[in-house]
């Protein structure tokens, strides 16, 4: 298990714009909730109680003392002993006034570095913006290859009638040789 002490915080300065990436704390729950809620087209809403219960799985970007960005991660379920453990990155949001200065990239980079400590086989995500994630090594995958994700989260989504009609693109960053050697192809209709 990765200890909280092993999580580094990052301070970045870009042309007089300073922000700080750090693990979330309980007082961040309401600002995280509001950030996610302000992106209804891009993100599946999360209840405040869900955020509080999982606050240890969030990172935030702080700028001038205000939470301006967030991202979370989740270990996806497996039956029995872990054979191909996967972690999902989700709830990535940056307030409009703080976009374009690297906050989203810094949040994703921090999350990838943190979850690598668990030694997952792959990191997955669903996104409307696949080009954003390509520089991190993510590649499009067929949604059907992520059935555990579809059953654990997408099946309860109220935005679309089926996970397969959702326009989000499924992507994966393969970290395990078994997944990395699988021939990659662009899935049709995904």
N, C-alpha and C. Protein backbone atom coordinates (compact mmCIF):
# COMPACT_ATOMS: atom_id res chain seq x y z
N UNK A 1 0.84 -1.18 0.00
CA UNK A 1 0.00 0.00 0.00
C UNK A 1 0.88 1.24 0.00
N UNK A 2 0.47 2.26 -0.69
CA UNK A 2 1.23 3.49 -0.78
C UNK A 2 0.83 4.39 0.38
N UNK A 3 1.80 4.86 1.12
CA UNK A 3 1.50 5.72 2.26
C UNK A 3 1.29 7.15 1.79
N UNK A 4 0.56 7.90 2.58
CA UNK A 4 0.29 9.30 2.27
C UNK A 4 1.60 10.09 2.25
N UNK A 5 2.59 9.66 3.02
CA UNK A 5 3.87 10.37 3.07
C UNK A 5 4.62 10.27 1.75
N UNK A 6 4.33 9.23 0.97
CA UNK A 6 5.05 9.07 -0.29
C UNK A 6 4.49 9.96 -1.40
N UNK A 7 3.36 10.60 -1.13
CA UNK A 7 2.75 11.48 -2.13
C UNK A 7 3.42 12.83 -2.05
N UNK A 8 4.05 13.19 -3.15
CA UNK A 8 4.70 14.50 -3.19
C UNK A 8 3.69 15.55 -3.59
N UNK A 9 3.93 16.75 -3.18
CA UNK A 9 3.14 17.86 -3.66
C UNK A 9 4.00 18.61 -4.66
N UNK A 10 3.39 19.18 -5.64
CA UNK A 10 4.12 19.90 -6.67
C UNK A 10 3.70 21.35 -6.68
N UNK A 11 4.67 22.22 -6.80
CA UNK A 11 4.40 23.64 -6.91
C UNK A 11 4.94 24.07 -8.28
N UNK A 12 4.09 24.67 -9.06
CA UNK A 12 4.47 25.07 -10.41
C UNK A 12 4.23 26.56 -10.60
N UNK A 13 5.16 27.20 -11.28
CA UNK A 13 5.01 28.61 -11.59
C UNK A 13 5.15 28.78 -13.10
N UNK A 14 4.17 29.41 -13.70
CA UNK A 14 4.18 29.65 -15.14
C UNK A 14 3.74 31.08 -15.38
N UNK A 15 4.63 31.90 -15.84
CA UNK A 15 4.38 33.31 -16.16
C UNK A 15 3.46 33.98 -15.12
N UNK A 16 3.96 34.08 -13.89
CA UNK A 16 3.28 34.73 -12.77
C UNK A 16 2.01 34.02 -12.33
N UNK A 17 1.77 32.80 -12.79
CA UNK A 17 0.60 32.03 -12.37
C UNK A 17 1.10 30.83 -11.56
N UNK A 18 0.88 30.83 -10.29
CA UNK A 18 1.36 29.77 -9.42
C UNK A 18 0.20 28.87 -9.01
N UNK A 19 0.46 27.58 -9.03
CA UNK A 19 -0.51 26.64 -8.50
C UNK A 19 0.24 25.53 -7.79
N UNK A 20 -0.49 24.82 -6.96
CA UNK A 20 0.09 23.81 -6.08
C UNK A 20 -0.77 22.55 -6.19
N UNK A 21 -0.17 21.41 -6.54
CA UNK A 21 -0.88 20.13 -6.59
C UNK A 21 -0.60 19.40 -5.28
N UNK A 22 -1.68 18.93 -4.64
CA UNK A 22 -1.52 18.25 -3.36
C UNK A 22 -2.65 17.25 -3.17
N UNK A 23 -2.46 16.30 -2.23
CA UNK A 23 -3.56 15.39 -1.89
C UNK A 23 -4.71 16.18 -1.27
N UNK A 24 -5.93 15.78 -1.58
CA UNK A 24 -7.10 16.45 -1.02
C UNK A 24 -7.24 16.15 0.47
N UNK A 25 -7.93 17.05 1.14
CA UNK A 25 -8.24 16.91 2.57
C UNK A 25 -9.75 17.11 2.74
N UNK A 26 -10.27 16.76 3.91
CA UNK A 26 -11.70 16.90 4.14
C UNK A 26 -12.25 18.29 3.82
N UNK A 27 -11.57 19.38 4.19
CA UNK A 27 -12.11 20.70 3.86
C UNK A 27 -12.23 20.97 2.34
N UNK A 28 -11.58 20.14 1.52
CA UNK A 28 -11.65 20.31 0.07
C UNK A 28 -12.90 19.67 -0.54
N UNK A 29 -13.65 18.90 0.24
CA UNK A 29 -14.78 18.14 -0.31
C UNK A 29 -15.81 19.03 -1.00
N UNK A 30 -16.21 20.12 -0.38
CA UNK A 30 -17.22 20.99 -1.01
C UNK A 30 -16.67 21.64 -2.27
N UNK A 31 -15.46 22.21 -2.27
CA UNK A 31 -14.94 22.76 -3.53
C UNK A 31 -14.80 21.69 -4.63
N UNK A 32 -14.41 20.47 -4.28
CA UNK A 32 -14.33 19.39 -5.26
C UNK A 32 -15.73 19.11 -5.82
N UNK A 33 -16.70 18.99 -4.95
CA UNK A 33 -18.08 18.76 -5.35
C UNK A 33 -18.55 19.83 -6.33
N UNK A 34 -18.27 21.09 -6.02
CA UNK A 34 -18.70 22.20 -6.88
C UNK A 34 -17.98 22.17 -8.23
N UNK A 35 -16.70 21.82 -8.24
CA UNK A 35 -15.96 21.73 -9.50
C UNK A 35 -16.55 20.63 -10.40
N UNK A 36 -16.79 19.46 -9.83
CA UNK A 36 -17.36 18.36 -10.62
C UNK A 36 -18.75 18.74 -11.10
N UNK A 37 -19.53 19.34 -10.23
CA UNK A 37 -20.90 19.74 -10.57
C UNK A 37 -20.92 20.79 -11.68
N UNK A 38 -19.88 21.60 -11.78
CA UNK A 38 -19.83 22.65 -12.80
C UNK A 38 -19.47 22.11 -14.18
N UNK A 39 -19.27 20.80 -14.31
CA UNK A 39 -18.94 20.16 -15.59
C UNK A 39 -19.95 19.05 -15.91
N UNK A 40 -21.24 19.38 -15.98
CA UNK A 40 -22.26 18.32 -16.14
C UNK A 40 -22.19 17.58 -17.48
N UNK A 41 -21.67 18.21 -18.50
CA UNK A 41 -21.58 17.52 -19.81
C UNK A 41 -20.41 16.56 -19.88
N UNK A 42 -19.33 16.90 -19.18
CA UNK A 42 -18.11 16.10 -19.27
C UNK A 42 -17.97 15.05 -18.17
N UNK A 43 -18.58 15.29 -17.01
CA UNK A 43 -18.35 14.42 -15.86
C UNK A 43 -19.65 13.85 -15.31
N UNK A 44 -19.55 12.65 -14.81
CA UNK A 44 -20.65 12.06 -14.07
C UNK A 44 -20.60 12.67 -12.67
N UNK A 45 -21.73 13.15 -12.21
CA UNK A 45 -21.79 13.77 -10.90
C UNK A 45 -21.42 12.81 -9.79
N UNK A 46 -20.93 13.36 -8.71
CA UNK A 46 -20.59 12.57 -7.53
C UNK A 46 -21.21 13.26 -6.33
N UNK A 47 -21.75 12.47 -5.44
CA UNK A 47 -22.37 13.04 -4.25
C UNK A 47 -21.27 13.56 -3.31
N UNK A 48 -21.67 14.49 -2.47
CA UNK A 48 -20.72 15.02 -1.50
C UNK A 48 -20.25 13.91 -0.56
N UNK A 49 -21.16 13.02 -0.18
CA UNK A 49 -20.75 11.93 0.72
C UNK A 49 -19.75 10.99 0.05
N UNK A 50 -19.90 10.75 -1.26
CA UNK A 50 -18.94 9.93 -1.99
C UNK A 50 -17.56 10.60 -2.00
N UNK A 51 -17.54 11.89 -2.21
CA UNK A 51 -16.27 12.61 -2.21
C UNK A 51 -15.61 12.56 -0.83
N UNK A 52 -16.39 12.76 0.22
CA UNK A 52 -15.85 12.71 1.57
C UNK A 52 -15.29 11.32 1.87
N UNK A 53 -16.03 10.27 1.51
CA UNK A 53 -15.58 8.90 1.77
C UNK A 53 -14.32 8.54 1.00
N UNK A 54 -14.11 9.18 -0.14
CA UNK A 54 -12.96 8.87 -0.99
C UNK A 54 -11.98 10.03 -1.10
N UNK A 55 -11.98 10.94 -0.15
CA UNK A 55 -11.12 12.12 -0.23
C UNK A 55 -9.65 11.75 -0.33
N UNK A 56 -9.29 10.57 0.19
CA UNK A 56 -7.90 10.12 0.10
C UNK A 56 -7.53 9.67 -1.31
N UNK A 57 -8.48 9.65 -2.22
CA UNK A 57 -8.22 9.27 -3.61
C UNK A 57 -8.40 10.45 -4.56
N UNK A 58 -8.27 11.64 -4.03
CA UNK A 58 -8.35 12.87 -4.83
C UNK A 58 -7.05 13.65 -4.69
N UNK A 59 -6.69 14.33 -5.77
CA UNK A 59 -5.68 15.37 -5.72
C UNK A 59 -6.38 16.66 -6.10
N UNK A 60 -5.88 17.77 -5.60
CA UNK A 60 -6.42 19.07 -5.97
C UNK A 60 -5.30 19.99 -6.43
N UNK A 61 -5.69 20.95 -7.24
CA UNK A 61 -4.79 22.04 -7.63
C UNK A 61 -5.29 23.26 -6.89
N UNK A 62 -4.37 23.90 -6.20
CA UNK A 62 -4.72 25.08 -5.43
C UNK A 62 -4.01 26.28 -6.04
N UNK A 63 -4.73 27.35 -6.18
CA UNK A 63 -4.18 28.57 -6.76
C UNK A 63 -4.69 29.74 -5.94
N UNK A 64 -3.78 30.51 -5.39
CA UNK A 64 -4.13 31.65 -4.55
C UNK A 64 -5.09 31.24 -3.43
N UNK A 65 -4.84 30.06 -2.84
CA UNK A 65 -5.63 29.58 -1.72
C UNK A 65 -6.97 28.98 -2.07
N UNK A 66 -7.26 28.82 -3.36
CA UNK A 66 -8.56 28.31 -3.81
C UNK A 66 -8.35 27.01 -4.61
N UNK A 67 -9.21 26.02 -4.40
CA UNK A 67 -9.16 24.79 -5.19
C UNK A 67 -9.70 25.11 -6.58
N UNK A 68 -8.83 24.94 -7.60
CA UNK A 68 -9.21 25.27 -8.97
C UNK A 68 -9.18 24.06 -9.90
N UNK A 69 -8.75 22.91 -9.38
CA UNK A 69 -8.71 21.70 -10.18
C UNK A 69 -8.75 20.48 -9.30
N UNK A 70 -9.22 19.37 -9.87
CA UNK A 70 -9.29 18.13 -9.12
C UNK A 70 -9.21 16.94 -10.05
N UNK A 71 -8.81 15.82 -9.49
CA UNK A 71 -8.81 14.53 -10.19
C UNK A 71 -8.89 13.45 -9.11
N UNK A 72 -9.48 12.31 -9.48
CA UNK A 72 -9.51 11.20 -8.53
C UNK A 72 -9.15 9.92 -9.25
N UNK A 73 -8.99 8.88 -8.45
CA UNK A 73 -8.66 7.56 -8.99
C UNK A 73 -9.42 6.52 -8.18
N UNK A 74 -9.61 5.37 -8.81
CA UNK A 74 -10.35 4.29 -8.17
C UNK A 74 -9.76 2.96 -8.60
N UNK A 75 -9.60 2.06 -7.64
CA UNK A 75 -9.19 0.70 -7.96
C UNK A 75 -10.43 -0.03 -8.45
N UNK A 76 -10.34 -0.66 -9.61
CA UNK A 76 -11.48 -1.35 -10.18
C UNK A 76 -11.57 -2.76 -9.64
N UNK A 77 -12.78 -3.25 -9.47
CA UNK A 77 -12.97 -4.56 -8.83
C UNK A 77 -12.50 -5.73 -9.68
N UNK A 78 -12.07 -6.76 -8.98
CA UNK A 78 -11.75 -8.06 -9.58
C UNK A 78 -12.35 -9.11 -8.69
N UNK A 79 -12.65 -10.25 -9.23
CA UNK A 79 -13.16 -11.37 -8.43
C UNK A 79 -11.96 -12.24 -8.07
N UNK A 80 -11.78 -12.47 -6.78
CA UNK A 80 -10.68 -13.30 -6.33
C UNK A 80 -9.37 -12.53 -6.27
N UNK A 81 -8.28 -13.29 -6.36
CA UNK A 81 -6.94 -12.71 -6.30
C UNK A 81 -6.71 -11.82 -7.52
N UNK A 82 -6.01 -10.70 -7.36
CA UNK A 82 -5.79 -9.80 -8.49
C UNK A 82 -4.90 -10.42 -9.56
N UNK A 83 -5.43 -10.53 -10.78
CA UNK A 83 -4.66 -11.06 -11.91
C UNK A 83 -4.24 -9.93 -12.84
N UNK A 84 -5.16 -9.02 -13.09
CA UNK A 84 -4.92 -7.87 -13.95
C UNK A 84 -5.48 -6.61 -13.29
N UNK A 85 -4.94 -6.21 -12.16
CA UNK A 85 -5.52 -5.06 -11.47
C UNK A 85 -5.46 -3.79 -12.31
N UNK A 86 -6.56 -3.08 -12.30
CA UNK A 86 -6.66 -1.83 -13.05
C UNK A 86 -7.12 -0.71 -12.13
N UNK A 87 -6.67 0.48 -12.48
CA UNK A 87 -7.06 1.68 -11.75
C UNK A 87 -7.64 2.65 -12.77
N UNK A 88 -8.72 3.31 -12.37
CA UNK A 88 -9.36 4.30 -13.25
C UNK A 88 -9.05 5.70 -12.76
N UNK A 89 -8.72 6.58 -13.69
CA UNK A 89 -8.62 8.01 -13.41
C UNK A 89 -9.96 8.61 -13.78
N UNK A 90 -10.53 9.42 -12.87
CA UNK A 90 -11.83 10.01 -13.15
C UNK A 90 -11.96 11.37 -12.47
N UNK A 91 -13.02 12.04 -12.81
CA UNK A 91 -13.38 13.33 -12.21
C UNK A 91 -12.29 14.39 -12.38
N UNK A 92 -11.65 14.43 -13.55
CA UNK A 92 -10.66 15.48 -13.83
C UNK A 92 -11.40 16.75 -14.23
N UNK A 93 -11.18 17.81 -13.48
CA UNK A 93 -11.84 19.09 -13.76
C UNK A 93 -10.94 20.24 -13.37
N UNK A 94 -10.93 21.27 -14.20
CA UNK A 94 -10.19 22.51 -13.92
C UNK A 94 -11.15 23.66 -14.20
N UNK A 95 -11.22 24.60 -13.28
CA UNK A 95 -12.13 25.72 -13.49
C UNK A 95 -11.69 26.52 -14.71
N UNK A 96 -12.65 27.09 -15.45
CA UNK A 96 -12.33 27.78 -16.71
C UNK A 96 -11.25 28.86 -16.59
N UNK A 97 -11.24 29.63 -15.52
CA UNK A 97 -10.26 30.70 -15.37
C UNK A 97 -8.85 30.23 -15.10
N UNK A 98 -8.69 28.94 -14.87
CA UNK A 98 -7.36 28.38 -14.58
C UNK A 98 -6.90 27.39 -15.63
N UNK A 99 -7.56 27.36 -16.75
CA UNK A 99 -7.18 26.43 -17.83
C UNK A 99 -6.05 27.03 -18.66
N UNK A 100 -5.31 26.15 -19.31
CA UNK A 100 -4.28 26.59 -20.23
C UNK A 100 -2.92 26.86 -19.60
N UNK A 101 -2.77 26.57 -18.32
CA UNK A 101 -1.48 26.81 -17.67
C UNK A 101 -0.87 25.51 -17.14
N UNK A 102 -1.43 24.36 -17.54
CA UNK A 102 -0.83 23.08 -17.18
C UNK A 102 -1.41 22.38 -15.96
N UNK A 103 -2.47 22.91 -15.40
CA UNK A 103 -3.03 22.30 -14.19
C UNK A 103 -3.57 20.91 -14.48
N UNK A 104 -4.33 20.73 -15.54
CA UNK A 104 -4.87 19.41 -15.88
C UNK A 104 -3.76 18.40 -16.10
N UNK A 105 -2.73 18.80 -16.84
CA UNK A 105 -1.59 17.90 -17.08
C UNK A 105 -0.89 17.54 -15.77
N UNK A 106 -0.71 18.54 -14.91
CA UNK A 106 -0.03 18.28 -13.63
C UNK A 106 -0.86 17.34 -12.74
N UNK A 107 -2.17 17.49 -12.75
CA UNK A 107 -3.03 16.60 -11.97
C UNK A 107 -2.94 15.17 -12.48
N UNK A 108 -2.99 15.00 -13.79
CA UNK A 108 -2.91 13.64 -14.36
C UNK A 108 -1.53 13.04 -14.09
N UNK A 109 -0.49 13.82 -14.28
CA UNK A 109 0.87 13.33 -14.03
C UNK A 109 1.04 12.90 -12.57
N UNK A 110 0.55 13.68 -11.64
CA UNK A 110 0.65 13.35 -10.21
C UNK A 110 -0.14 12.07 -9.91
N UNK A 111 -1.32 11.93 -10.51
CA UNK A 111 -2.14 10.74 -10.27
C UNK A 111 -1.47 9.49 -10.82
N UNK A 112 -0.94 9.57 -12.03
CA UNK A 112 -0.25 8.41 -12.62
C UNK A 112 0.94 8.01 -11.74
N UNK A 113 1.72 8.98 -11.32
CA UNK A 113 2.89 8.68 -10.48
C UNK A 113 2.45 8.01 -9.17
N UNK A 114 1.37 8.49 -8.59
CA UNK A 114 0.89 7.93 -7.33
C UNK A 114 0.37 6.50 -7.50
N UNK A 115 -0.49 6.28 -8.49
CA UNK A 115 -1.11 4.95 -8.62
C UNK A 115 -0.13 3.91 -9.14
N UNK A 116 0.95 4.32 -9.79
CA UNK A 116 1.98 3.35 -10.20
C UNK A 116 2.53 2.60 -8.99
N UNK A 117 2.51 3.23 -7.83
CA UNK A 117 2.99 2.61 -6.60
C UNK A 117 2.20 1.37 -6.20
N UNK A 118 1.00 1.23 -6.72
CA UNK A 118 0.18 0.05 -6.45
C UNK A 118 0.48 -1.09 -7.43
N UNK A 119 1.25 -0.83 -8.46
CA UNK A 119 1.63 -1.80 -9.49
C UNK A 119 0.43 -2.37 -10.24
N UNK A 120 -0.45 -1.49 -10.77
CA UNK A 120 -1.56 -2.00 -11.57
C UNK A 120 -1.06 -2.45 -12.94
N UNK A 121 -1.84 -3.27 -13.61
CA UNK A 121 -1.51 -3.68 -14.98
C UNK A 121 -1.81 -2.56 -15.97
N UNK A 122 -2.85 -1.80 -15.65
CA UNK A 122 -3.22 -0.71 -16.55
C UNK A 122 -3.99 0.36 -15.79
N UNK A 123 -3.93 1.54 -16.36
CA UNK A 123 -4.72 2.66 -15.87
C UNK A 123 -5.70 2.97 -17.00
N UNK A 124 -6.97 3.09 -16.66
CA UNK A 124 -7.97 3.37 -17.69
C UNK A 124 -8.69 4.68 -17.40
N UNK A 125 -9.41 5.14 -18.40
CA UNK A 125 -10.27 6.31 -18.24
C UNK A 125 -11.25 6.37 -19.39
N UNK A 126 -12.29 7.14 -19.21
CA UNK A 126 -13.24 7.45 -20.27
C UNK A 126 -13.21 8.96 -20.44
N UNK A 127 -13.16 9.43 -21.69
CA UNK A 127 -12.99 10.86 -21.91
C UNK A 127 -13.65 11.32 -23.20
N UNK A 128 -14.03 12.59 -23.22
CA UNK A 128 -14.47 13.25 -24.45
C UNK A 128 -13.28 13.90 -25.16
N UNK A 129 -12.12 13.93 -24.50
CA UNK A 129 -10.93 14.61 -25.01
C UNK A 129 -9.74 13.67 -25.10
N UNK A 130 -9.78 12.67 -25.96
CA UNK A 130 -8.69 11.69 -26.00
C UNK A 130 -7.33 12.28 -26.33
N UNK A 131 -7.26 13.30 -27.14
CA UNK A 131 -5.95 13.88 -27.50
C UNK A 131 -5.20 14.41 -26.29
N UNK A 132 -5.93 14.85 -25.28
CA UNK A 132 -5.29 15.35 -24.06
C UNK A 132 -4.47 14.26 -23.39
N UNK A 133 -4.92 13.01 -23.45
CA UNK A 133 -4.30 11.92 -22.72
C UNK A 133 -3.23 11.16 -23.51
N UNK A 134 -3.16 11.35 -24.81
CA UNK A 134 -2.17 10.64 -25.63
C UNK A 134 -0.74 10.92 -25.19
N UNK A 135 -0.35 12.15 -24.88
CA UNK A 135 1.04 12.38 -24.45
C UNK A 135 1.46 11.62 -23.19
N UNK A 136 0.51 11.17 -22.40
CA UNK A 136 0.82 10.38 -21.20
C UNK A 136 0.99 8.90 -21.53
N UNK A 137 0.70 8.51 -22.78
CA UNK A 137 0.81 7.11 -23.18
C UNK A 137 -0.51 6.38 -23.28
N UNK A 138 -1.61 7.06 -23.03
CA UNK A 138 -2.92 6.43 -23.15
C UNK A 138 -3.26 6.20 -24.62
N UNK A 139 -3.91 5.07 -24.90
CA UNK A 139 -4.34 4.72 -26.25
C UNK A 139 -5.80 4.30 -26.20
N UNK A 140 -6.56 4.57 -27.27
CA UNK A 140 -7.96 4.13 -27.32
C UNK A 140 -8.05 2.60 -27.24
N UNK A 141 -9.05 2.12 -26.51
CA UNK A 141 -9.33 0.69 -26.41
C UNK A 141 -10.84 0.49 -26.59
N UNK A 142 -11.22 -0.70 -26.95
CA UNK A 142 -12.64 -1.02 -27.09
C UNK A 142 -13.30 -1.00 -25.72
N UNK A 143 -14.48 -0.40 -25.64
CA UNK A 143 -15.20 -0.37 -24.36
C UNK A 143 -15.48 -1.77 -23.85
N UNK A 144 -15.70 -2.70 -24.76
CA UNK A 144 -15.99 -4.07 -24.34
C UNK A 144 -14.82 -4.69 -23.58
N UNK A 145 -13.61 -4.16 -23.76
CA UNK A 145 -12.45 -4.69 -23.02
C UNK A 145 -12.44 -4.19 -21.58
N UNK A 146 -13.34 -3.31 -21.25
CA UNK A 146 -13.42 -2.73 -19.91
C UNK A 146 -14.74 -3.08 -19.24
N UNK A 147 -15.20 -4.30 -19.42
CA UNK A 147 -16.51 -4.67 -18.90
C UNK A 147 -16.62 -4.47 -17.39
N UNK A 148 -15.56 -4.71 -16.64
CA UNK A 148 -15.61 -4.49 -15.20
C UNK A 148 -15.90 -3.04 -14.88
N UNK A 149 -15.37 -2.12 -15.69
CA UNK A 149 -15.65 -0.70 -15.50
C UNK A 149 -17.11 -0.41 -15.85
N UNK A 150 -17.57 -0.99 -16.93
CA UNK A 150 -18.94 -0.73 -17.36
C UNK A 150 -19.93 -1.21 -16.31
N UNK A 151 -19.67 -2.36 -15.72
CA UNK A 151 -20.58 -2.87 -14.71
C UNK A 151 -20.46 -2.14 -13.39
N UNK A 152 -19.28 -1.67 -13.04
CA UNK A 152 -19.12 -1.02 -11.75
C UNK A 152 -19.55 0.44 -11.75
N UNK A 153 -19.54 1.09 -12.88
CA UNK A 153 -19.87 2.51 -12.90
C UNK A 153 -20.82 2.92 -14.00
N UNK A 154 -20.49 2.58 -15.21
CA UNK A 154 -21.26 3.04 -16.35
C UNK A 154 -22.69 2.50 -16.37
N UNK A 155 -22.88 1.34 -15.83
CA UNK A 155 -24.20 0.72 -15.88
C UNK A 155 -25.22 1.56 -15.11
N UNK A 156 -24.77 2.36 -14.15
CA UNK A 156 -25.66 3.21 -13.36
C UNK A 156 -25.72 4.65 -13.84
N UNK A 157 -25.03 4.97 -14.92
CA UNK A 157 -25.03 6.34 -15.44
C UNK A 157 -26.42 6.68 -15.97
N UNK A 158 -26.91 7.84 -15.62
CA UNK A 158 -28.23 8.26 -16.08
C UNK A 158 -28.17 9.14 -17.32
N UNK A 159 -26.99 9.38 -17.86
CA UNK A 159 -26.86 10.25 -19.02
C UNK A 159 -27.19 9.55 -20.33
N UNK A 160 -26.88 8.25 -20.42
CA UNK A 160 -27.06 7.51 -21.67
C UNK A 160 -27.80 6.21 -21.38
N UNK A 161 -28.49 5.69 -22.40
CA UNK A 161 -29.28 4.48 -22.19
C UNK A 161 -28.42 3.22 -22.13
N UNK A 162 -27.18 3.31 -22.56
CA UNK A 162 -26.27 2.18 -22.54
C UNK A 162 -24.84 2.69 -22.55
N UNK A 163 -23.93 1.98 -21.89
CA UNK A 163 -22.53 2.40 -21.96
C UNK A 163 -22.00 2.44 -23.40
N UNK A 164 -22.61 1.65 -24.26
CA UNK A 164 -22.12 1.58 -25.63
C UNK A 164 -22.66 2.70 -26.51
N UNK A 165 -23.65 3.45 -26.02
CA UNK A 165 -24.12 4.62 -26.77
C UNK A 165 -23.48 5.90 -26.25
N UNK A 166 -22.76 5.81 -25.16
CA UNK A 166 -22.05 6.95 -24.59
C UNK A 166 -20.93 7.35 -25.55
N UNK A 167 -20.81 8.64 -25.86
CA UNK A 167 -19.77 9.07 -26.80
C UNK A 167 -18.36 9.16 -26.22
N UNK A 168 -18.20 8.91 -24.94
CA UNK A 168 -16.85 8.97 -24.37
C UNK A 168 -15.98 7.88 -24.98
N UNK A 169 -14.69 8.20 -25.10
CA UNK A 169 -13.70 7.26 -25.64
C UNK A 169 -13.02 6.56 -24.47
N UNK A 170 -12.96 5.24 -24.54
CA UNK A 170 -12.24 4.45 -23.54
C UNK A 170 -10.76 4.46 -23.90
N UNK A 171 -9.92 4.69 -22.91
CA UNK A 171 -8.48 4.72 -23.14
C UNK A 171 -7.78 3.95 -22.03
N UNK A 172 -6.60 3.44 -22.34
CA UNK A 172 -5.82 2.70 -21.36
C UNK A 172 -4.34 3.03 -21.49
N UNK A 173 -3.68 3.05 -20.37
CA UNK A 173 -2.23 3.15 -20.28
C UNK A 173 -1.77 1.81 -19.73
N UNK A 174 -1.16 1.00 -20.60
CA UNK A 174 -0.73 -0.33 -20.20
C UNK A 174 0.60 -0.25 -19.48
N UNK A 175 0.66 -0.85 -18.30
CA UNK A 175 1.85 -0.82 -17.48
C UNK A 175 2.46 -2.19 -17.28
N UNK A 176 1.77 -3.21 -17.68
CA UNK A 176 2.17 -4.60 -17.47
C UNK A 176 2.53 -5.20 -18.82
N UNK A 177 3.59 -5.99 -18.92
CA UNK A 177 3.99 -6.56 -20.20
C UNK A 177 2.87 -7.34 -20.91
N UNK A 178 2.01 -7.99 -20.14
CA UNK A 178 0.93 -8.76 -20.77
C UNK A 178 0.02 -7.86 -21.60
N UNK A 179 -0.31 -6.68 -21.05
CA UNK A 179 -1.17 -5.74 -21.78
C UNK A 179 -0.40 -5.02 -22.88
N UNK A 180 0.85 -4.70 -22.62
CA UNK A 180 1.63 -3.93 -23.58
C UNK A 180 1.89 -4.72 -24.86
N UNK A 181 1.92 -6.05 -24.76
CA UNK A 181 2.20 -6.85 -25.95
C UNK A 181 0.96 -7.12 -26.79
N UNK A 182 -0.22 -6.78 -26.26
CA UNK A 182 -1.45 -6.98 -27.01
C UNK A 182 -1.45 -6.02 -28.21
N UNK A 183 -1.77 -6.54 -29.36
CA UNK A 183 -1.79 -5.72 -30.56
C UNK A 183 -2.86 -4.64 -30.44
N UNK A 184 -2.47 -3.39 -30.62
CA UNK A 184 -3.40 -2.27 -30.51
C UNK A 184 -4.02 -1.99 -31.87
N UNK A 185 -5.31 -1.73 -31.83
CA UNK A 185 -6.01 -1.30 -33.03
C UNK A 185 -7.07 -0.30 -32.63
N UNK A 186 -7.41 0.54 -33.53
CA UNK A 186 -8.45 1.54 -33.27
C UNK A 186 -9.80 0.83 -33.32
N UNK A 187 -10.53 0.78 -32.18
CA UNK A 187 -11.81 0.10 -32.18
C UNK A 187 -12.85 0.84 -33.02
N UNK A 188 -13.64 0.08 -33.75
CA UNK A 188 -14.68 0.67 -34.59
C UNK A 188 -15.82 1.16 -33.72
N UNK A 189 -16.32 2.34 -34.01
CA UNK A 189 -17.49 2.88 -33.33
C UNK A 189 -17.28 3.23 -31.88
N UNK A 190 -16.05 3.38 -31.46
CA UNK A 190 -15.81 3.73 -30.06
C UNK A 190 -15.06 5.03 -29.99
